[in-house]
Amino acid sequence: MTKKIGCAIMQTLRKHYPEYLIEAAGLGIFMISAAVVTALLEHPNSLIRQAITDLILRRFIIGIAMGLTAICIIYSPWGKQSGAHINPVVTLTFFRLGKIKPWDAIFYILAQFIGGFLGLLLAIRILRDAMADPSVNYIVTIPGTYGAGYAFLAELIISFGVMLMILFVSNNRKLAPFTAMFAGLLIAAYITIEAPLSGMSMNPARTLASAIPSHN
């Protein structure tokens, strides 16, 4: 029995390892983009931060940048090959719907956690002390001034919203090609409006990647 399981795992890895690497790279790239954009717009020594004093406007620009990052990842040849889940929640949903096999789901999720963490480590290597500054704080996602209860509720609502959109749009023949556009718009809106409540994560792999180096 153990031998059969081992053979099944190795067969799955040999067949789909490119997709696992793509999932890791996708979230890694997203983390690097988030770190660079946040440092440019929030670090006190940044000329862009000094030029744009309005906090909501800065969040809006960050939201647009991250929405565009997500759109580029999803529409890229790599993203099309793996499906560009880059989020364990999306993978689990598609597994529940029978669109992805159990071992693929496990390796997708492992790749997402590893890729997100490695992406943030690379961002720390590039940005150095800027990442540790309280204004950037390793782009950690933590409850805002209203506390954990509001953060939990906010994350519940925005996660429900984005998954509902993905399931509805991706299963509509006319709208399916624009799924990435809808996702990008939601990300931009959420970062602008919801980020003060919870940091706007919707992604446990993304949150853990920041939580480890920030010791939070």
Protein backbone atom coordinates (compact mmCIF):
# COMPACT_ATOMS: atom_id res chain seq x y z
CA MET A 1 0.00 0.00 0.00
CA THR A 2 2.79 2.40 0.98
CA LYS A 3 4.66 1.52 -2.21
CA LYS A 4 1.58 2.26 -4.31
CA ILE A 5 1.18 5.66 -2.66
CA GLY A 6 4.86 6.42 -3.22
CA CYS A 7 4.58 5.47 -6.90
CA ALA A 8 1.47 7.63 -7.29
CA ILE A 9 3.27 10.61 -5.73
CA MET A 10 6.34 10.23 -7.96
CA GLN A 11 4.17 9.83 -11.06
CA THR A 12 2.25 12.97 -10.19
CA LEU A 13 5.46 14.92 -9.56
CA ARG A 14 7.03 13.82 -12.86
CA LYS A 15 3.91 14.71 -14.81
CA HIS A 16 2.98 18.04 -13.24
CA TYR A 17 6.10 19.47 -11.61
CA PRO A 18 6.18 22.40 -14.10
CA GLU A 19 2.76 23.51 -12.86
CA TYR A 20 3.92 23.33 -9.23
CA LEU A 21 6.96 25.44 -10.05
CA ILE A 22 4.73 27.93 -11.85
CA GLU A 23 2.47 28.22 -8.81
CA ALA A 24 5.49 28.86 -6.59
CA ALA A 25 6.89 31.43 -9.01
CA GLY A 26 3.52 33.13 -9.41
CA LEU A 27 3.04 33.87 -5.74
CA GLY A 28 6.75 34.65 -5.37
CA ILE A 29 6.49 37.30 -8.09
CA PHE A 30 3.34 38.68 -6.47
CA MET A 31 5.16 39.02 -3.14
CA ILE A 32 8.15 40.76 -4.73
CA SER A 33 5.84 43.18 -6.53
CA ALA A 34 3.92 43.91 -3.33
CA ALA A 35 7.14 44.56 -1.41
CA VAL A 36 8.65 46.86 -4.03
CA VAL A 37 5.46 48.85 -4.61
CA THR A 38 4.78 49.23 -0.88
CA ALA A 39 8.35 50.37 -0.20
CA LEU A 40 8.18 52.93 -3.02
CA LEU A 41 4.89 54.37 -1.82
CA GLU A 42 5.16 54.03 1.97
CA HIS A 43 8.81 54.23 3.03
CA PRO A 44 9.47 57.74 4.45
CA ASN A 45 12.71 58.13 2.45
CA SER A 46 10.97 57.41 -0.86
CA LEU A 47 10.60 60.43 -3.14
CA ILE A 48 7.25 59.06 -4.31
CA ARG A 49 6.05 58.85 -0.70
CA GLN A 50 7.14 62.44 -0.12
CA ALA A 51 5.38 63.61 -3.28
CA ILE A 52 2.08 61.80 -2.59
CA THR A 53 0.94 62.71 0.89
CA ASP A 54 -2.64 61.44 0.64
CA LEU A 55 -2.86 57.99 2.27
CA ILE A 56 -5.95 56.86 0.34
CA LEU A 57 -4.37 57.86 -2.96
CA ARG A 58 -1.24 55.86 -2.11
CA ARG A 59 -3.35 52.81 -1.25
CA PHE A 60 -5.23 53.24 -4.52
CA ILE A 61 -1.97 53.27 -6.48
CA ILE A 62 -0.74 50.19 -4.60
CA GLY A 63 -4.07 48.52 -5.36
CA ILE A 64 -3.81 49.29 -9.07
CA ALA A 65 -0.22 48.00 -9.16
CA MET A 66 -1.12 44.75 -7.40
CA GLY A 67 -4.24 44.30 -9.53
CA LEU A 68 -2.11 44.66 -12.66
CA THR A 69 0.44 42.21 -11.22
CA ALA A 70 -2.29 39.62 -10.70
CA ILE A 71 -3.68 40.20 -14.21
CA CYS A 72 -0.22 39.76 -15.77
CA ILE A 73 0.41 36.54 -13.83
CA ILE A 74 -2.99 35.06 -14.78
CA TYR A 75 -2.75 36.00 -18.47
CA SER A 76 0.90 34.95 -18.83
CA PRO A 77 1.72 31.67 -20.63
CA TRP A 78 2.84 30.26 -17.28
CA GLY A 79 -0.38 31.33 -15.59
CA LYS A 80 -2.44 29.73 -18.33
CA GLN A 81 -0.51 26.48 -17.92
CA SER A 82 -1.06 26.08 -14.16
CA GLY A 83 -4.35 27.95 -13.92
CA ALA A 84 -2.66 30.65 -11.80
CA HIS A 85 -4.33 29.72 -8.55
CA ILE A 86 -1.49 31.26 -6.46
CA ASN A 87 -3.76 30.86 -3.43
CA PRO A 88 -4.50 27.69 -1.40
CA VAL A 89 -8.13 28.78 -1.09
CA VAL A 90 -8.57 28.77 -4.87
CA THR A 91 -6.85 25.38 -5.13
CA LEU A 92 -9.05 23.87 -2.40
CA THR A 93 -12.16 25.21 -4.09
CA PHE A 94 -11.26 23.69 -7.44
CA PHE A 95 -10.35 20.44 -5.69
CA ARG A 96 -13.78 20.42 -4.03
CA LEU A 97 -15.36 20.92 -7.46
CA GLY A 98 -13.41 17.97 -8.85
CA LYS A 99 -11.35 20.10 -11.24
CA ILE A 100 -8.01 19.17 -9.67
CA LYS A 101 -6.79 15.83 -8.28
CA PRO A 102 -5.86 15.32 -4.60
CA TRP A 103 -2.07 15.04 -5.03
CA ASP A 104 -2.04 17.97 -7.44
CA ALA A 105 -3.94 20.03 -4.87
CA ILE A 106 -1.43 19.12 -2.15
CA PHE A 107 1.60 19.99 -4.29
CA TYR A 108 -0.03 23.19 -5.57
CA ILE A 109 -0.58 24.36 -1.99
CA LEU A 110 2.92 23.39 -0.85
CA ALA A 111 4.37 25.23 -3.84
CA GLN A 112 2.31 28.33 -3.07
CA PHE A 113 3.53 28.49 0.54
CA ILE A 114 7.16 27.88 -0.43
CA GLY A 115 7.05 30.28 -3.39
CA GLY A 116 5.46 33.09 -1.41
CA PHE A 117 8.06 32.79 1.33
CA LEU A 118 11.01 32.61 -1.09
CA GLY A 119 9.64 35.58 -3.01
CA LEU A 120 9.54 37.67 0.15
CA LEU A 121 13.06 36.56 1.11
CA LEU A 122 14.26 37.75 -2.30
CA ALA A 123 12.46 41.07 -1.78
CA ILE A 124 14.21 41.44 1.59
CA ARG A 125 17.52 40.73 -0.14
CA ILE A 126 16.80 43.45 -2.72
CA LEU A 127 15.28 46.12 -0.45
CA ARG A 128 17.32 45.33 2.67
CA ASP A 129 16.57 47.66 5.61
CA ALA A 130 13.59 49.21 3.84
CA MET A 131 11.58 46.03 4.41
CA ALA A 132 12.08 46.20 8.18
CA ASP A 133 10.96 49.83 8.42
CA PRO A 134 7.62 50.10 10.30
CA SER A 135 6.06 51.77 7.25
CA VAL A 136 6.67 48.62 5.19
CA ASN A 137 7.05 45.98 7.93
CA TYR A 138 7.63 43.06 5.55
CA ILE A 139 4.19 43.84 4.01
CA VAL A 140 2.65 41.95 6.92
CA THR A 141 -1.14 41.51 7.00
CA ILE A 142 -2.42 42.07 10.53
CA PRO A 143 -5.64 43.39 12.10
CA GLY A 144 -6.06 47.16 11.94
CA THR A 145 -7.08 49.57 14.67
CA TYR A 146 -10.55 47.99 15.00
CA GLY A 147 -9.07 44.68 16.13
CA ALA A 148 -9.11 41.02 15.17
CA GLY A 149 -12.90 40.67 15.11
CA TYR A 150 -13.36 43.28 12.40
CA ALA A 151 -10.35 41.89 10.52
CA PHE A 152 -11.85 38.39 10.57
CA LEU A 153 -15.21 39.62 9.31
CA ALA A 154 -13.59 41.78 6.62
CA GLU A 155 -11.43 38.89 5.36
CA LEU A 156 -14.48 36.62 5.36
CA ILE A 157 -16.44 39.07 3.22
CA ILE A 158 -13.71 39.90 0.70
CA SER A 159 -12.67 36.24 0.34
CA PHE A 160 -16.29 35.25 -0.23
CA GLY A 161 -16.61 38.04 -2.78
CA VAL A 162 -13.56 37.14 -4.82
CA MET A 163 -14.31 33.40 -4.85
CA LEU A 164 -17.94 34.03 -5.80
CA MET A 165 -16.70 36.21 -8.67
CA ILE A 166 -14.18 33.58 -9.85
CA LEU A 167 -16.75 30.78 -9.78
CA PHE A 168 -19.43 32.82 -11.51
CA VAL A 169 -17.28 34.50 -14.16
CA SER A 170 -15.06 31.48 -14.98
CA ASN A 171 -18.17 29.35 -15.63
CA ASN A 172 -19.77 31.92 -17.91
CA ARG A 173 -18.71 31.35 -21.51
CA LYS A 174 -18.82 35.04 -22.46
CA LEU A 175 -17.20 36.38 -19.28
CA ALA A 176 -14.61 33.63 -18.66
CA PRO A 177 -11.85 35.31 -20.76
CA PHE A 178 -12.15 38.37 -18.49
CA THR A 179 -11.80 36.54 -15.15
CA ALA A 180 -8.34 38.02 -14.58
CA MET A 181 -9.63 41.54 -15.23
CA PHE A 182 -12.39 41.12 -12.65
CA ALA A 183 -9.88 39.68 -10.16
CA GLY A 184 -7.50 42.60 -10.72
CA LEU A 185 -10.27 45.14 -10.20
CA LEU A 186 -11.37 43.46 -6.97
CA ILE A 187 -7.80 43.37 -5.65
CA ALA A 188 -7.38 47.08 -6.42
CA ALA A 189 -10.68 47.94 -4.73
CA TYR A 190 -9.99 45.78 -1.69
CA ILE A 191 -6.52 47.24 -1.09
CA THR A 192 -7.92 50.76 -1.37
CA ILE A 193 -10.95 50.23 0.87
CA GLU A 194 -10.42 47.17 3.06
CA ALA A 195 -6.67 47.11 3.74
CA PRO A 196 -6.91 49.26 6.92
CA LEU A 197 -9.11 46.60 8.53
CA SER A 198 -7.01 43.47 7.99
CA GLY A 199 -4.11 44.25 5.66
CA MET A 200 -6.11 42.69 2.80
CA SER A 201 -4.72 39.19 2.43
CA MET A 202 -7.37 36.65 1.29
CA ASN A 203 -4.42 34.28 1.01
CA PRO A 204 -2.93 32.23 3.88
CA ALA A 205 0.28 31.55 1.92
CA ARG A 206 0.74 35.28 1.35
CA THR A 207 0.10 36.08 5.02
CA LEU A 208 2.46 33.39 6.34
CA ALA A 209 5.22 34.56 3.98
CA SER A 210 5.18 37.97 5.69
CA ALA A 211 4.50 36.68 9.21
CA ILE A 212 7.68 34.60 9.43
CA PRO A 213 10.35 37.29 8.77
CA SER A 214 8.36 39.94 10.67
CA HIS A 215 8.06 37.57 13.70
CA ASN A 216 4.38 38.50 13.82
